Protein backbone atom coordinates (compact mmCIF):
# COMPACT_ATOMS: atom_id res chain seq x y z
CA ILE A 1 -14.38 -23.12 -56.93
CA ALA A 2 -13.10 -24.96 -53.85
CA PHE A 3 -12.58 -21.60 -52.15
CA ALA A 4 -16.13 -20.53 -52.97
CA THR A 5 -17.48 -23.78 -51.55
CA VAL A 6 -15.68 -23.29 -48.24
CA VAL A 7 -16.81 -19.68 -48.09
CA ALA A 8 -20.42 -20.72 -48.57
CA SER A 9 -20.13 -23.42 -45.91
CA SER A 10 -18.52 -21.04 -43.39
CA ALA A 11 -21.05 -18.31 -44.11
CA SER A 12 -23.90 -20.67 -43.16
CA THR A 13 -22.71 -20.81 -39.54
CA ALA A 14 -20.86 -17.53 -39.02
CA SER A 15 -22.14 -13.98 -39.07
CA ALA A 16 -22.91 -12.26 -42.39
CA PHE A 17 -19.84 -12.02 -44.62
CA THR A 18 -20.14 -8.98 -46.92
CA VAL A 19 -17.57 -7.79 -49.43
CA SER A 20 -17.38 -4.57 -51.40
CA PRO A 21 -20.76 -3.28 -52.61
CA GLY A 22 -21.66 -4.06 -56.20
CA VAL A 23 -19.65 -7.27 -56.38
CA VAL A 24 -21.40 -10.08 -54.58
CA ASN A 25 -22.92 -10.92 -51.18
CA LEU A 26 -22.29 -14.42 -49.87
CA SER A 27 -24.62 -14.16 -46.87
CA PRO A 28 -27.51 -16.68 -47.19
CA ALA A 29 -29.81 -14.27 -45.34
CA SER A 30 -29.24 -11.47 -47.79
CA ALA A 31 -32.05 -10.22 -49.99
CA GLN A 32 -29.58 -9.61 -52.80
CA ARG A 33 -28.83 -12.05 -55.56
CA THR A 34 -27.07 -15.13 -54.21
CA VAL A 35 -24.74 -17.52 -55.94
CA ALA A 36 -25.62 -21.23 -56.20
CA PHE A 37 -22.67 -23.44 -55.40
CA PRO A 38 -22.38 -27.21 -55.58
CA THR A 39 -23.87 -29.00 -52.62
CA THR A 40 -20.56 -30.42 -51.48
CA THR A 41 -20.47 -30.31 -47.66
CA ALA A 42 -17.44 -28.71 -46.02
CA THR A 43 -16.64 -29.38 -42.39
CA GLN A 44 -16.38 -26.28 -40.22
CA PRO A 45 -12.84 -25.83 -38.88
CA ARG A 46 -12.35 -26.55 -35.18
CA SER A 47 -10.84 -23.12 -34.59
CA SER A 48 -13.91 -21.41 -36.02
CA ARG A 49 -16.21 -23.41 -33.74
CA ALA A 50 -14.06 -22.52 -30.76
CA PHE A 51 -14.06 -18.85 -31.68
CA ILE A 52 -17.85 -18.76 -32.04
CA SER A 53 -18.27 -20.60 -28.75
CA SER A 54 -15.99 -18.16 -26.98
CA ARG A 55 -17.83 -15.18 -28.35
CA ASN A 56 -21.16 -16.66 -27.24
CA VAL A 57 -19.76 -17.11 -23.74
CA ALA A 58 -18.59 -13.52 -23.73
CA SER A 59 -21.98 -12.30 -24.86
CA SER A 60 -23.87 -14.32 -22.29
CA SER A 61 -21.67 -13.07 -19.46
CA SER A 62 -21.50 -9.45 -20.56
CA SER A 63 -24.14 -8.46 -18.04
CA SER A 64 -21.94 -9.45 -15.10
CA PRO A 65 -18.95 -7.08 -14.69
CA THR A 66 -15.47 -8.56 -14.51
CA SER A 67 -12.60 -7.33 -12.40
CA LEU A 68 -11.30 -5.59 -15.50
CA ASN A 69 -14.50 -3.59 -15.83
CA LEU A 70 -14.70 -2.88 -12.12
CA ALA A 71 -11.17 -1.52 -12.11
CA GLY A 72 -12.21 0.88 -14.85
CA GLY A 73 -8.64 0.83 -15.65
CA GLY A 74 -6.10 1.87 -18.14
CA GLY A 75 -5.30 -1.71 -19.07
CA THR A 76 -8.26 -2.29 -21.34
CA GLU A 77 -8.03 1.25 -22.73
CA ALA A 78 -4.39 0.64 -23.62
CA LEU A 79 -5.36 -2.56 -25.44
CA GLN A 80 -8.03 -0.73 -27.42
CA ASP A 81 -5.49 1.92 -28.46
CA TYR A 82 -3.06 -0.86 -29.33
CA ILE A 83 -5.65 -2.57 -31.54
CA THR A 84 -6.44 0.71 -33.26
CA SER A 85 -2.78 1.45 -33.96
CA LEU A 86 -2.27 -2.00 -35.48
CA SER A 87 -5.38 -1.73 -37.63
CA THR A 88 -3.95 1.33 -39.41
CA THR A 89 -1.04 -0.74 -40.71
CA ALA A 90 -3.01 -3.89 -41.60
CA SER A 91 -3.45 -4.91 -45.23
CA PRO A 92 -6.84 -4.39 -46.95
CA LEU A 93 -7.36 -8.15 -47.01
CA VAL A 94 -6.91 -8.51 -43.26
CA THR A 95 -9.06 -5.46 -42.62
CA LYS A 96 -11.99 -6.73 -44.72
CA MET A 97 -11.89 -10.43 -43.83
CA LYS A 98 -11.66 -11.08 -40.11
CA ASN A 99 -11.55 -14.89 -40.24
CA PRO A 100 -7.88 -15.96 -40.65
CA LYS A 101 -8.90 -19.26 -42.29
CA LEU A 102 -10.77 -17.44 -45.03
CA ILE A 103 -7.91 -15.03 -45.52
CA LYS A 104 -5.50 -17.90 -46.09
CA LEU A 105 -7.87 -19.50 -48.56
CA ALA A 106 -8.14 -16.20 -50.34
CA GLY A 107 -4.37 -16.14 -50.56
CA VAL A 108 -4.37 -19.60 -52.16
CA ALA A 109 -6.96 -18.46 -54.68
CA ALA A 110 -5.12 -15.27 -55.51
CA VAL A 111 -2.08 -17.00 -56.91
CA PRO A 112 -3.83 -18.72 -59.88
CA LEU A 113 -6.29 -15.86 -60.26
CA SER A 114 -5.64 -15.30 -63.97
CA TYR A 115 -5.91 -18.99 -64.59
CA ALA A 116 -9.17 -19.28 -62.67
CA LEU A 117 -10.75 -16.38 -64.54
CA GLY A 118 -9.44 -17.46 -67.97
CA ALA A 119 -9.92 -21.20 -67.81
CA ALA A 120 -13.28 -21.42 -66.08
CA MET A 121 -15.25 -20.73 -69.30
CA THR A 122 -18.06 -23.20 -69.01
CA PRO A 123 -21.44 -21.56 -68.32
CA SER A 124 -22.03 -23.65 -65.22
CA ARG A 125 -18.78 -22.47 -63.67
CA ARG A 126 -18.61 -18.90 -64.98
CA LEU A 127 -20.77 -17.46 -62.22
CA ALA A 128 -18.77 -19.20 -59.52
CA ALA A 129 -15.51 -17.99 -61.01
CA ARG A 130 -16.86 -14.44 -61.22
CA ALA A 131 -17.91 -14.66 -57.57
CA VAL A 132 -14.49 -15.80 -56.42
CA GLY A 133 -12.75 -13.35 -58.66
CA GLY A 134 -14.99 -10.52 -57.45
CA VAL A 135 -14.28 -11.25 -53.82
CA VAL A 136 -10.55 -11.45 -54.26
CA ALA A 137 -10.36 -8.56 -56.68
CA ALA A 138 -12.44 -6.29 -54.49
CA VAL A 139 -10.41 -7.06 -51.41
CA THR A 140 -6.93 -7.38 -52.83
CA ALA A 141 -7.31 -4.95 -55.75
CA GLY A 142 -5.99 -7.39 -58.32
CA GLY A 143 -4.46 -10.35 -56.49
CA VAL A 144 -2.14 -11.03 -53.56
CA GLY A 145 0.60 -13.60 -53.32
CA LYS A 146 0.16 -16.56 -50.98
CA ASN A 147 3.23 -15.78 -48.87
CA ALA A 148 2.26 -12.13 -48.53
CA VAL A 149 -1.21 -13.06 -47.34
CA GLU A 150 0.11 -15.49 -44.75
CA GLU A 151 2.54 -12.85 -43.49
CA ASP A 152 -0.32 -10.37 -43.13
CA VAL A 153 -2.24 -12.96 -41.14
CA ARG A 154 0.69 -13.50 -38.80
CA ARG A 155 1.15 -9.76 -38.34
CA SER A 156 -2.48 -9.38 -37.34
CA CYS A 157 -2.17 -11.97 -34.57
CA PRO A 158 -1.14 -9.49 -31.79
CA SER A 159 -4.25 -7.47 -32.52
CA ALA A 160 -6.32 -10.66 -32.31
CA ILE A 161 -4.80 -11.50 -28.91
CA ALA A 162 -5.60 -8.04 -27.59
CA SER A 163 -9.11 -8.20 -29.04
CA ARG A 164 -9.75 -11.57 -27.42
CA LEU A 165 -8.72 -10.12 -24.03
CA VAL A 166 -11.02 -7.14 -24.46
CA GLU A 167 -13.94 -9.30 -25.54
CA LEU A 168 -13.68 -12.00 -22.85
CA GLY A 169 -12.02 -10.05 -20.04
CA VAL A 170 -8.79 -11.04 -18.33
CA ASP A 171 -10.77 -13.18 -15.87
CA GLY A 172 -13.01 -14.84 -18.45
CA ASP A 173 -13.56 -18.57 -18.04
CA PHE A 174 -12.43 -19.42 -21.57
CA VAL A 175 -10.03 -16.59 -22.29
CA SER A 176 -6.83 -18.67 -21.92
CA ASP A 177 -8.10 -21.39 -24.26
CA GLY A 178 -9.39 -18.82 -26.72
CA ILE A 179 -6.02 -17.08 -26.88
CA ASP A 180 -4.07 -20.33 -27.23
CA ARG A 181 -6.15 -21.31 -30.31
CA LEU A 182 -5.14 -18.09 -32.05
CA LYS A 183 -1.66 -19.55 -32.58
CA GLU A 184 -3.06 -22.27 -34.84
CA ASP A 185 -5.65 -20.02 -36.46
CA TYR A 186 -3.00 -17.50 -37.50
CA GLY A 187 -0.25 -20.04 -38.23
CA VAL A 188 2.23 -18.49 -35.81
CA GLU A 189 5.26 -20.33 -34.46
CA GLU A 190 5.40 -20.94 -30.69
CA GLU A 191 8.34 -18.58 -30.10
CA ASP A 192 6.74 -15.77 -32.08
CA PHE A 193 3.40 -16.34 -30.37
CA THR A 194 5.05 -16.06 -26.94
CA THR A 195 6.71 -12.80 -27.97
CA MET A 196 3.34 -11.44 -29.10
CA LYS A 197 1.67 -12.35 -25.80
CA THR A 198 4.54 -10.78 -23.87
CA GLU A 199 4.09 -7.57 -25.84
CA VAL A 200 0.34 -7.52 -25.11
CA TYR A 201 1.06 -7.99 -21.39
CA SER A 202 3.52 -5.10 -21.53
CA VAL A 203 0.97 -2.84 -23.24
CA TYR A 204 -1.64 -3.71 -20.63
CA LEU A 205 0.78 -3.01 -17.75
CA VAL A 206 1.73 0.40 -19.13
CA GLY A 207 -1.96 1.27 -19.37
CA MET A 208 -2.47 0.30 -15.71
CA ALA A 209 0.50 2.40 -14.59
CA LYS A 210 -0.71 5.49 -16.42
CA ASN A 211 -3.56 5.76 -13.93
CA PRO A 212 -1.83 7.03 -10.74
CA LEU A 213 -4.63 5.71 -8.53
CA ALA A 214 -3.51 2.28 -7.31
CA LYS A 215 -6.10 -0.33 -6.37
CA THR A 216 -5.64 -3.72 -4.74
CA ALA A 217 -7.96 -5.20 -7.39
CA GLU A 218 -5.22 -4.50 -9.94
CA LEU A 219 -3.01 -7.13 -8.31
CA LYS A 220 -5.62 -9.79 -9.02
CA GLU A 221 -6.20 -8.29 -12.45
CA LEU A 222 -2.51 -8.58 -13.31
CA ALA A 223 -2.41 -12.18 -12.05
CA ASN A 224 -5.44 -13.00 -14.23
CA LEU A 225 -3.74 -11.38 -17.22
CA ARG A 226 -0.69 -13.57 -16.73
CA GLU A 227 -2.86 -16.67 -16.50
CA ALA A 228 -4.91 -15.70 -19.54
CA LEU A 229 -1.75 -15.29 -21.62
CA SER A 230 -0.11 -18.43 -20.15
CA LEU A 231 3.19 -16.66 -19.41
CA ASP A 232 5.95 -18.08 -17.24
CA ASN A 233 8.17 -16.13 -14.83
CA MET A 234 10.85 -15.35 -17.39
CA GLN A 235 8.31 -14.01 -19.89
CA VAL A 236 6.60 -11.90 -17.22
CA GLY A 237 9.99 -10.49 -16.21
CA GLN A 238 10.71 -9.52 -19.80
CA ALA A 239 7.26 -7.93 -20.16
CA HIS A 240 7.78 -5.79 -17.05
CA ALA A 241 11.24 -4.72 -18.22
CA ASP A 242 9.84 -3.72 -21.63
CA ALA A 243 6.93 -1.89 -20.02
CA ALA A 244 9.25 0.02 -17.68
CA LYS A 245 11.42 1.22 -20.59
CA THR A 246 8.42 2.30 -22.63
CA PHE A 247 6.67 3.98 -19.73
CA TYR A 248 9.74 5.90 -18.50
CA ARG A 249 10.51 7.07 -22.03
CA ASP A 250 6.96 8.37 -22.45
CA VAL A 251 6.93 10.05 -19.03
CA THR A 252 10.25 11.86 -19.47
CA ARG A 253 9.11 13.36 -22.75
CA PHE A 254 6.97 15.81 -20.82
CA THR A 255 8.20 15.60 -17.22
CA SER A 256 11.69 16.56 -16.07
CA VAL A 257 13.79 14.46 -13.75
CA GLU A 258 13.59 17.23 -11.14
CA GLU A 259 9.79 17.06 -11.22
CA LEU A 260 9.94 13.31 -10.75
CA ASP A 261 11.79 13.88 -7.47
CA ASP A 262 8.54 15.33 -6.09
CA GLU A 263 6.76 12.43 -4.38
CA ASP A 264 3.36 14.05 -4.98
CA HIS A 265 3.81 14.61 -8.72
CA PRO A 266 1.28 12.45 -10.65
CA ASP A 267 3.97 10.99 -12.92
CA ARG A 268 6.13 10.13 -9.91
CA VAL A 269 3.11 8.42 -8.34
CA SER A 270 2.62 6.43 -11.56
CA LEU A 271 6.26 5.34 -11.58
CA ASP A 272 5.95 4.17 -7.98
CA LYS A 273 2.81 2.29 -8.93
CA MET A 274 4.75 0.52 -11.68
CA LEU A 275 7.34 -0.53 -9.10
CA PHE A 276 4.61 -1.75 -6.75
CA LEU A 277 2.85 -3.81 -9.43
CA THR A 278 6.18 -5.26 -10.56
CA GLU A 279 7.30 -6.22 -7.05
CA ARG A 280 3.99 -7.91 -6.33
CA ALA A 281 3.88 -9.71 -9.70
CA PHE A 282 7.36 -11.17 -9.17
CA ARG A 283 6.72 -12.17 -5.56
CA GLN A 284 3.35 -13.73 -6.33
CA GLY A 285 5.03 -15.64 -9.15
CA LYS A 286 7.23 -17.25 -6.46
CA GLU A 287 10.49 -16.12 -8.02
CA THR A 288 13.67 -17.23 -6.30
CA ASP A 289 15.58 -14.50 -4.48
CA GLU A 290 18.26 -14.47 -7.17
CA ALA A 291 15.73 -14.26 -10.00
CA PHE A 292 13.74 -11.59 -8.18
CA THR A 293 16.84 -9.46 -7.68
CA PHE A 294 17.77 -9.74 -11.36
CA GLU A 295 14.29 -9.03 -12.74
CA PHE A 296 13.39 -6.25 -10.32
CA SER A 297 16.74 -4.50 -10.71
CA ARG A 298 16.15 -4.42 -14.48
CA VAL A 299 12.88 -2.59 -13.94
CA ALA A 300 14.43 -0.25 -11.34
CA LYS A 301 17.23 0.64 -13.74
CA ALA A 302 14.77 1.31 -16.55
CA LEU A 303 12.78 3.68 -14.32
CA GLY A 304 15.52 6.26 -13.86
CA GLU A 305 18.57 4.22 -12.79
CA LEU A 306 17.09 3.51 -9.34
CA SER A 307 18.98 1.37 -6.86
CA MET A 308 17.42 -1.87 -5.69
CA SER A 309 16.84 -0.56 -2.15
CA GLU A 310 15.29 2.72 -3.28
CA ALA A 311 12.97 0.96 -5.72
CA LEU A 312 11.81 -1.49 -3.06
CA GLU A 313 11.18 1.32 -0.59
CA ARG A 314 9.11 3.23 -3.15
CA ALA A 315 7.08 0.10 -3.82
CA LYS A 316 6.50 -0.27 -0.07
CA ASP A 317 5.29 3.34 0.09
CA VAL A 318 2.49 2.36 -2.28
CA ALA A 319 1.58 -0.76 -0.31
CA ARG A 320 1.49 0.77 3.18
CA PRO A 321 -1.56 3.04 2.66
CA PHE A 322 -3.59 0.01 1.60
CA TYR A 323 -2.78 -1.79 4.83
CA GLU A 324 -3.37 1.35 6.86
CA ARG A 325 -6.86 1.52 5.41
CA ALA A 326 -7.35 -2.16 6.25
CA LEU A 327 -6.39 -1.41 9.86
CA ALA A 328 -8.74 1.57 9.97
CA SER A 329 -11.51 -0.69 8.69
CA THR A 330 -10.64 -3.21 11.38
CA ARG A 331 -11.12 -0.59 14.06
CA SER A 332 -14.45 0.58 12.68
CA LYS A 333 -15.83 -2.94 12.25
CA LEU A 334 -14.44 -4.41 15.45
CA GLU A 335 -17.77 -4.69 17.25
CA SER A 336 -19.41 -6.51 14.34
CA GLY A 337 -16.62 -9.08 14.16
CA ALA A 338 -16.42 -8.65 10.38
CA VAL A 339 -12.60 -8.47 10.47
CA ASN A 340 -10.26 -10.96 12.10
CA SER A 341 -6.54 -11.64 12.30
CA ASP A 342 -6.65 -14.12 9.38
CA MET A 343 -8.08 -11.46 7.07
CA LEU A 344 -5.29 -9.08 8.03
CA ARG A 345 -2.72 -11.81 7.43
CA ARG A 346 -4.07 -12.41 3.90
CA ALA A 347 -3.97 -8.68 3.24
CA ARG A 348 -0.31 -8.57 4.32
CA VAL A 349 0.55 -11.44 2.00
CA THR A 350 -1.22 -9.74 -0.91
CA LEU A 351 0.47 -6.38 -0.31
CA GLY A 352 3.89 -7.72 0.65
CA ILE A 353 3.89 -6.25 4.16
CA THR A 354 6.52 -7.99 6.31
CA ASP A 355 5.89 -9.07 9.90
CA GLU A 356 8.22 -6.36 11.21
CA GLU A 357 6.42 -3.66 9.23
CA ALA A 358 3.04 -5.04 10.30
CA LYS A 359 4.05 -4.99 13.97
CA GLU A 360 4.93 -1.31 13.76
CA MET A 361 1.69 -0.47 11.96
CA HIS A 362 -0.37 -2.55 14.41
CA VAL A 363 1.10 -0.69 17.36
CA GLU A 364 0.34 2.64 15.68
CA SER A 365 -3.24 1.56 14.96
CA PHE A 366 -3.71 0.48 18.57
CA ALA A 367 -2.36 3.84 19.76
CA GLN A 368 -4.84 5.65 17.53
CA GLU A 369 -7.70 3.61 19.00
CA VAL A 370 -6.53 4.42 22.55
CA ARG A 371 -6.69 8.14 21.78
CA SER A 372 -10.08 7.68 20.14
CA GLN A 373 -11.47 5.92 23.20
CA LEU A 374 -10.16 8.80 25.33
CA GLY A 375 -11.99 11.28 23.14
CA LEU A 376 -8.72 12.78 21.89
CA PRO A 377 -7.90 13.75 18.31
CA ASP A 378 -5.37 11.77 16.30
CA GLU A 379 -1.87 12.70 17.25
CA GLU A 380 -0.08 14.66 14.56
CA ASP A 381 3.65 14.78 14.02
CA GLU A 382 5.00 18.03 15.34
CA GLU A 383 7.30 19.80 12.96
CA ASP A 384 10.67 20.58 14.40
CA GLU A 385 11.12 24.29 14.94
CA ILE A 386 14.17 25.70 13.26
CA ASP A 387 16.43 27.59 15.64
CA ILE A 388 18.49 30.10 13.72
CA ASN A 389 21.07 30.00 16.51
CA GLN A 390 21.23 26.21 16.75
CA ASP A 391 24.78 26.14 15.37
CA LYS A 392 25.99 28.78 17.80
CA ARG A 393 28.02 27.33 20.64
CA VAL A 394 27.43 28.43 24.21
CA GLU A 395 30.71 29.86 25.38
CA THR A 396 30.42 30.06 29.15
CA VAL A 397 28.95 28.17 32.09
CA ALA A 398 27.06 31.29 33.05
CA GLU A 399 25.22 31.29 29.74
CA ILE A 400 24.28 27.64 30.22
CA GLU A 401 22.97 28.29 33.74
CA ALA A 402 21.03 31.34 32.57
CA LYS A 403 19.42 29.37 29.79
CA MET A 404 18.43 26.52 32.10
CA GLN A 405 17.08 28.96 34.67
CA LYS A 406 14.94 30.57 32.02
CA MET A 407 13.54 27.20 31.01
CA LYS A 408 12.71 26.40 34.65
CA GLU A 409 10.96 29.70 35.14
CA GLU A 410 8.89 29.19 32.02
CA ALA A 411 7.90 25.71 33.17
CA ALA A 412 7.05 26.97 36.68
CA SER A 413 4.97 29.86 35.37
CA LYS A 414 2.98 27.62 33.07
CA PRO A 415 -0.42 26.95 34.66
CA VAL A 416 -1.30 23.35 35.45
CA GLU A 417 -3.92 22.11 33.00
CA ASP A 418 -7.02 20.54 34.47
CA THR A 419 -7.31 17.16 32.71
CA SER A 420 -9.46 15.39 35.28
CA ALA A 421 -12.34 15.08 32.80
CA ILE A 422 -10.28 13.04 30.32
CA LYS A 423 -11.06 9.35 30.77
CA PHE A 424 -11.95 6.30 28.70
CA LYS A 425 -15.44 5.85 27.29
CA ASP A 426 -17.78 3.17 28.55
CA GLY A 427 -16.91 -0.18 27.00
CA ALA A 428 -13.45 1.03 26.00
CA PHE A 429 -11.68 -1.76 27.87
CA ASP A 430 -13.50 -4.49 25.92
CA GLN A 431 -12.94 -2.64 22.65
CA LEU A 432 -9.21 -2.30 23.24
CA SER A 433 -8.92 -5.92 24.39
CA LYS A 434 -10.57 -7.15 21.16
CA LEU A 435 -8.34 -4.96 19.04
CA GLN A 436 -5.24 -6.17 20.86
CA GLU A 437 -6.23 -9.76 20.09
CA VAL A 438 -6.96 -9.10 16.40
CA LEU A 439 -3.70 -7.20 15.95
CA GLY A 440 -1.71 -9.87 17.77
CA LEU A 441 -0.11 -7.47 20.26
CA ASN A 442 1.30 -8.70 23.55
CA ASP A 443 0.42 -7.11 26.89
CA GLU A 444 3.69 -5.24 27.07
CA ASP A 445 3.08 -3.41 23.78
CA ALA A 446 -0.56 -2.65 24.63
CA ASP A 447 0.26 -1.42 28.15
CA TYR A 448 2.99 0.83 26.81
CA GLU A 449 0.66 2.53 24.31
CA VAL A 450 -2.01 3.03 26.99
CA ALA A 451 0.57 4.51 29.36
CA ALA A 452 2.02 6.73 26.62
CA ALA A 453 -1.43 8.19 25.93
CA THR A 454 -2.59 8.60 29.54
CA GLU A 455 0.57 9.25 31.56
CA ARG A 456 0.30 13.01 31.21
CA TYR A 457 -3.23 13.11 32.59
CA TRP A 458 -2.46 10.78 35.46
CA ARG A 459 0.64 12.78 36.39
CA ASN A 460 -1.37 15.98 36.62
CA THR A 461 -3.74 14.35 39.10
CA ALA A 462 -0.96 12.65 41.10
CA LEU A 463 1.17 15.80 41.38
CA GLN A 464 -1.74 17.93 42.51
CA THR A 465 -2.81 15.28 45.02
CA LEU A 466 0.69 14.92 46.49
CA ASP A 467 0.99 18.70 46.79
CA ASP A 468 -2.30 18.73 48.71
CA ALA A 469 -1.05 15.95 50.98
CA ILE A 470 2.23 17.77 51.64
CA ALA A 471 0.29 20.96 52.37
CA GLY A 472 -1.85 19.01 54.84
CA THR A 473 -5.17 19.46 53.04
CA LYS A 474 -5.46 15.73 52.37
CA ASP A 475 -4.36 12.84 54.55
CA PRO A 476 -2.16 10.10 52.99
CA ALA A 477 -5.00 7.57 52.76
CA LYS A 478 -7.32 9.94 50.91
CA ALA A 479 -4.50 11.09 48.64
CA TRP A 480 -3.70 7.54 47.63
CA GLY A 481 -7.37 6.80 47.03
CA ILE A 482 -7.57 9.67 44.53
CA ILE A 483 -4.39 8.55 42.79
CA GLN A 484 -5.54 4.93 42.57
CA SER A 485 -8.98 5.91 41.28
CA ARG A 486 -7.36 7.91 38.50
CA GLN A 487 -5.21 4.88 37.68
CA LYS A 488 -8.30 2.75 37.10
CA GLU A 489 -9.97 5.41 34.98
CA LEU A 490 -6.96 5.45 32.66
CA PHE A 491 -6.39 1.64 32.54
CA LEU A 492 -2.87 1.94 33.95
CA LYS A 493 -1.17 -1.19 35.23
CA ASP A 494 0.81 -1.24 38.50
CA SER A 495 3.97 -1.90 36.50
CA SER A 496 3.54 1.45 34.72
CA MET A 497 2.42 3.20 37.89
CA LYS A 498 5.49 2.30 39.94
CA SER A 499 8.00 3.89 37.61
CA MET A 500 5.83 6.96 37.14
CA MET A 501 5.20 7.29 40.89
CA THR A 502 8.93 7.32 41.55
CA SER A 503 9.33 10.12 39.00
CA ILE A 504 6.54 12.14 40.60
CA ILE A 505 8.09 11.84 44.07
CA MET A 506 11.43 12.99 42.67
CA GLN A 507 9.68 16.00 41.20
CA SER A 508 7.70 16.78 44.38
CA LEU A 509 10.72 16.57 46.70
CA GLY A 510 13.38 17.79 44.30
CA LYS A 511 11.91 21.29 44.06
CA PRO A 512 12.10 22.11 47.81
CA LEU A 513 15.61 20.66 48.07
CA GLU A 514 16.77 22.74 45.13
CA LYS A 515 15.35 25.86 46.78
CA VAL A 516 17.06 25.04 50.09
CA ASN A 517 20.38 24.50 48.34
CA THR A 518 20.13 28.00 46.91
CA PHE A 519 19.80 29.42 50.43
CA ALA A 520 22.66 27.27 51.74
CA ARG A 521 25.05 28.50 49.05
CA VAL A 522 24.62 32.08 50.27
CA ASN A 523 24.83 30.97 53.91
CA ASN A 524 21.24 31.89 54.70
CA ALA A 525 21.11 29.64 57.75
CA ALA A 526 17.57 30.45 58.84
CA ALA A 527 16.03 29.85 55.42
CA THR A 528 18.14 26.72 54.99
CA TYR A 529 17.03 25.29 58.31
CA ASP A 530 13.34 26.04 57.73
CA GLY A 531 13.50 24.69 54.20
CA LEU A 532 15.06 21.41 55.33
CA ILE A 533 12.38 21.02 58.03
CA ASP A 534 9.70 21.36 55.34
CA ALA A 535 11.54 18.96 53.01
CA ILE A 536 11.77 16.32 55.75
CA ALA A 537 8.06 16.66 56.47
CA ALA A 538 7.24 16.38 52.76
CA LYS A 539 9.37 13.25 52.52
CA GLU A 540 7.51 11.62 55.41
CA THR A 541 4.17 12.49 53.82
CA CYS A 542 5.16 10.91 50.48
CA LYS A 543 6.42 7.88 52.36
CA ASP A 544 3.06 7.50 54.12
CA VAL A 545 1.18 7.82 50.84
CA LEU A 546 3.22 5.01 49.28
CA LYS A 547 2.64 2.83 52.33
CA GLU A 548 -1.04 2.93 51.40
CA ALA A 549 -0.14 1.43 48.02
CA GLY A 550 1.49 -1.58 49.66
CA TRP A 551 4.21 -1.86 47.02
CA SER A 552 7.24 -3.81 48.18
CA GLU A 553 9.51 -1.72 45.97
CA PHE A 554 9.03 1.25 48.32
CA GLU A 555 9.44 -0.52 51.66
CA ASP A 556 12.95 0.96 51.91
CA PHE A 557 11.79 4.42 50.90
CA GLU A 558 15.11 6.21 51.48
CA LYS A 559 17.02 3.77 49.28
CA ALA A 560 14.38 3.87 46.55
CA CYS A 561 14.06 7.66 46.40
CA PHE A 562 17.02 9.26 48.20
CA ASP A 563 20.08 7.32 47.12
CA PRO A 564 22.86 9.98 46.98
CA PHE A 565 24.81 7.89 44.48
CA ASP A 566 21.87 7.72 42.05
CA LYS A 567 21.72 10.80 39.82
CA ALA A 568 18.01 10.15 39.21
CA SER A 569 17.08 10.20 42.94
CA ALA A 570 15.44 13.15 44.68
CA CYS A 571 18.80 14.36 46.01
CA GLY A 572 20.97 13.06 43.18
CA PHE A 573 21.49 16.53 41.73
CA LEU A 574 23.28 17.70 44.90
CA THR A 575 27.07 17.54 45.02
CA ASN A 576 28.93 16.16 48.03
CA MET A 577 29.90 19.69 49.01
CA ASP A 578 26.28 20.89 48.78
CA ARG A 579 25.04 18.08 51.00
CA HIS A 580 27.81 18.65 53.56
CA ASN A 581 27.13 22.39 53.66
CA MET A 582 23.37 21.93 54.14
CA TYR A 583 23.86 19.33 56.89
CA GLN A 584 26.37 21.53 58.71
CA ILE A 585 24.01 24.54 58.71
CA PHE A 586 21.12 22.37 59.91
CA PHE A 587 23.21 20.80 62.69
CA GLN A 588 24.50 24.12 63.97
CA ARG A 589 21.00 25.62 64.01
CA SER A 590 19.76 22.56 65.89
CA VAL A 591 22.25 22.92 68.80
CA LYS A 592 20.84 25.11 71.60
CA VAL A 593 23.25 26.93 73.95
CA ASP A 594 22.50 26.51 77.67
CA GLU A 595 22.51 30.07 79.01
CA GLU A 596 23.05 28.90 82.59
């Protein structure tokens, strides 16, 4: 009778409570025959009020999507499958009666069931006894022991935790409180309740990893899940280790280890995603270095006996594309000012990108923007050509010289490309300056990337202009004006120009000297003499051009460009014997015999 009273009181505030057809309906709103119980008032349990309140909150906020819904992810789907699998093993009592308080009361009533049905013989109590007996009989098919009922309630708690997460969302305002109250509602000990929550976290993580597409929103989603379940670092570490074992076992049922070596295989991508989510979860949990090493190595071992370094590198491979996209977005939104250095810093912290890795990626992003502002396509990595004779050793000096001569002839026969039209767009300087500031690059790094992208085009102009000056078609002042104008078009600094100008002079004067040396070695005195006259004139022309620049580094032109002890100078390739032979031929041709 006490059980029936509580049922009636609970039914007045909860949703309709219907048992098997043909027995009885305890819902006050039902049109069927209702049972009149004594008017004793029963106080609604606190846990029931909390559960109803939480459900109302979930219903009122269902119109606004949570991060769980936005992710569209495998986490919530995995929970739904988990709930379904548990429901197939639940007892009929748990399946029919969803309120754990009522189930426990039903268990209490089931023990003295024969007594209740046999002893309650008075007419005023017969109907109530039949009602209670009908409910319990219909649900339990003849009676269930108290301990068995309580055990069924405890076993249904993991499903209730998962259901609460699905209903309220991992980022729901009351989800943590709602889950914590399930421990009391289901009469579960603290240790067992923690184990259940850890298992639910593990199930959710496996579901996330099954979707190979990684999203940064999943990092926040996983952090919300941890907060909703009130797990500490040790419990999260255990959950990730359990998830890794389960996930790798499921993957290797259908995918071979050889296939998992393919970085583009979907299952390999999912495994790497698991490593990425694990690394981020541990780091964001502020694990100590020792604890991180222990926990992450457990996961790495579970995912195919990976070493710590390999697992970390694979996690980084997942994180880098996210930051690359952030840098691409920075470039596209630079003019609007929508992205700044603080936003990039927060992105690095979220993704676990170190300062060293960020510096390398920032330089690469700046280089891409330089090429874009020049109107050039993104530079692609050139695949190394495989030489089938690369392991064959060159046996003789003659073969070496023949090979080098062939390379020189190919380079000389290659037409000079006209690149004079390649220059920076209008406003490119301001754009690159803003990007340099946002990326935190110093002038040295920025100047190097600009020089690396434009050096080729400046060299073409400078070489052609020096050749014209040596040929006498341009005077030194005009030649330098053309070279300097090209420098400004390509945003080259004097510091970059000086080293490149030295290289160009070496190239311009080295060719005629090399040709003269060939004549001198065969004792062609006339050709040697004429060639040296032309080389001296070319040297003086280059010297006059550099005077127009006003650079102090070239005031002593001979020392800067013709140091015989410097292998990189214009005459550094000549041996002492070659220089002596050429000078001797020139001197002898210069002495005139007096015929008188």
